[in-house]
C-alpha atoms as a PDB file:
ATOM      1  CA  MET A   1      -1.981  -5.584  -6.539  1.00  0.00           C
ATOM      2  CA  ASP A   2      -1.460  -2.233  -6.685  1.00  0.00           C
ATOM      3  CA  PRO A   3      -3.367  -0.186  -4.374  1.00  0.00           C
ATOM      4  CA  ILE A   4      -3.405   3.273  -3.847  1.00  0.00           C
ATOM      5  CA  PHE A   5      -2.548   4.882  -0.528  1.00  0.00           C
ATOM      6  CA  ILE A   6      -4.017   8.352   0.313  1.00  0.00           C
ATOM      7  CA  ASP A   7      -2.823  10.593   3.568  1.00  0.00           C
ATOM      8  CA  GLU A   8      -4.189  13.144   5.544  1.00  0.00           C
ATOM      9  CA  LYS A   9      -3.469  15.903   2.981  1.00  0.00           C
ATOM     10  CA  GLY A  10      -4.520  14.182   0.411  1.00  0.00           C
ATOM     11  CA  ALA A  11      -0.184  12.998  -0.987  1.00  0.00           C
ATOM     12  CA  LYS A  12      -1.128   9.473  -3.225  1.00  0.00           C
ATOM     13  CA  ILE A  13       1.226   6.855  -3.249  1.00  0.00           C
ATOM     14  CA  GLN A  14       0.877   3.227  -5.250  1.00  0.00           C
ATOM     15  CA  ALA A  15       2.259   0.275  -3.684  1.00  0.00           C
ATOM     16  CA  GLY A  16       3.028  -3.206  -4.751  1.00  0.00           C
ATOM     17  CA  ILE A  17       1.949  -6.568  -3.033  1.00  0.00           C
ATOM     18  CA  LYS A  18       3.671  -9.842  -5.072  1.00  0.00           C
ATOM     19  CA  SER A  19       0.754 -12.019  -6.061  1.00  0.00           C
ATOM     20  CA  HIS A  20       1.716 -14.600  -3.377  1.00  0.00           C
ATOM     21  CA  LEU A  21       1.097 -12.341  -0.641  1.00  0.00           C
ATOM     22  CA  ILE A  22      -2.157 -10.909  -1.945  1.00  0.00           C
ATOM     23  CA  PRO A  23      -4.619 -13.901  -0.317  1.00  0.00           C
ATOM     24  CA  PHE A  24      -2.504 -12.831   3.482  1.00  0.00           C
ATOM     25  CA  PHE A  25      -4.101  -9.097   2.524  1.00  0.00           C
ATOM     26  CA  ASP A  26      -6.531  -9.214   0.787  1.00  0.00           C
ATOM     27  CA  GLY A  27      -9.045  -9.342   3.150  1.00  0.00           C
ATOM     28  CA  GLN A  28      -7.145  -6.974   4.921  1.00  0.00           C
ATOM     29  CA  LEU A  29      -7.662  -3.855   2.143  1.00  0.00           C
ATOM     30  CA  GLN A  30     -10.861  -2.222   1.682  1.00  0.00           C
ATOM     31  CA  GLU A  31     -11.855   0.983  -0.986  1.00  0.00           C
ATOM     32  CA  ASP A  32     -12.102   3.982   1.635  1.00  0.00           C
ATOM     33  CA  ALA A  33     -10.797   2.256   4.911  1.00  0.00           C
ATOM     34  CA  VAL A  34      -8.617   4.138   7.050  1.00  0.00           C
ATOM     35  CA  VAL A  35      -5.532   1.703   7.949  1.00  0.00           C
ATOM     36  CA  ILE A  36      -2.740   2.164   9.719  1.00  0.00           C
ATOM     37  CA  LEU A  37       0.258   0.426   7.983  1.00  0.00           C
ATOM     38  CA  SER A  38       3.829  -1.059   9.560  1.00  0.00           C
ATOM     39  CA  LYS A  39       6.729  -2.565   8.075  1.00  0.00           C
ATOM     40  CA  PHE A  40       6.649  -1.927   4.706  1.00  0.00           C
ATOM     41  CA  GLY A  41       8.999  -0.809   2.610  1.00  0.00           C
ATOM     42  CA  VAL A  42       9.192   1.894   0.684  1.00  0.00           C
ATOM     43  CA  GLY A  43      11.603   2.117  -2.685  1.00  0.00           C
ATOM     44  CA  GLU A  44      12.012   3.821  -5.818  1.00  0.00           C
ATOM     45  CA  ASN A  45       8.478   3.477  -8.344  1.00  0.00           C
ATOM     46  CA  LYS A  46      10.400   1.745 -11.656  1.00  0.00           C
ATOM     47  CA  ASP A  47       6.842   0.458 -12.901  1.00  0.00           C
ATOM     48  CA  LEU A  48       6.109   0.847 -16.157  1.00  0.00           C
ATOM     49  CA  TYR A  49       2.390   1.661 -15.708  1.00  0.00           C
ATOM     50  CA  LYS A  50       2.307   4.302 -12.671  1.00  0.00           C
ATOM     51  CA  VAL A  51      -0.979   4.605 -11.777  1.00  0.00           C
ATOM     52  CA  VAL A  52       0.053   7.539  -9.213  1.00  0.00           C
ATOM     53  CA  VAL A  53       3.240  10.160 -10.612  1.00  0.00           C
ATOM     54  CA  GLN A  54       5.206   9.639  -7.180  1.00  0.00           C
ATOM     55  CA  PRO A  55       8.973   8.606  -7.452  1.00  0.00           C
ATOM     56  CA  TYR A  56       8.321   6.553  -4.535  1.00  0.00           C
ATOM     57  CA  LYS A  57       5.816   2.903  -3.603  1.00  0.00           C
ATOM     58  CA  ILE A  58       5.308   1.307  -0.943  1.00  0.00           C
ATOM     59  CA  ASN A  59       5.891  -2.365  -0.781  1.00  0.00           C
ATOM     60  CA  PHE A  60       4.178  -5.054   1.096  1.00  0.00           C
ATOM     61  CA  TYR A  61       6.235  -7.823   3.102  1.00  0.00           C
ATOM     62  CA  ARG A  62       4.978 -10.859   4.907  1.00  0.00           C
ATOM     63  CA  CYS A  63       6.030  -8.920   8.111  1.00  0.00           C
ATOM     64  CA  THR A  64       4.158  -5.822   7.081  1.00  0.00           C
ATOM     65  CA  THR A  65       1.134  -5.177   9.728  1.00  0.00           C
ATOM     66  CA  VAL A  66      -2.511  -3.163   8.689  1.00  0.00           C
ATOM     67  CA  THR A  67      -4.196  -2.254  11.467  1.00  0.00           C
ATOM     68  CA  PRO A  68      -7.704  -0.898  11.560  1.00  0.00           C
ATOM     69  CA  ASP A  69      -6.983   2.982  12.495  1.00  0.00           C
ATOM     70  CA  THR A  70     -10.393   3.155  15.660  1.00  0.00           C
ATOM     71  CA  SER A  71      -9.771   7.039  16.302  1.00  0.00           C
END
C-alpha cells in the first residue's frame, strides 16, 4: 500500500506500508481524513514508480500510530 499524504500547505509525500502491516492500518486510514502520524520513519524514495515527485517517503512500522485529528 502506498498512500499519499498532504500537509496543510499542500505538499505531498508518498508513504509505504509493507503488506504484512496493511491489515493493521487499513481501518485507520481513510481518504480525505485528517490524521496525526507518529513513530514513523522517513527514508529515500527508491521506488521504481514514484507516485509523487519527492526524494523522500514515509515508512510505516508496527509502532507507527495514526490518530484522528479532532481539531
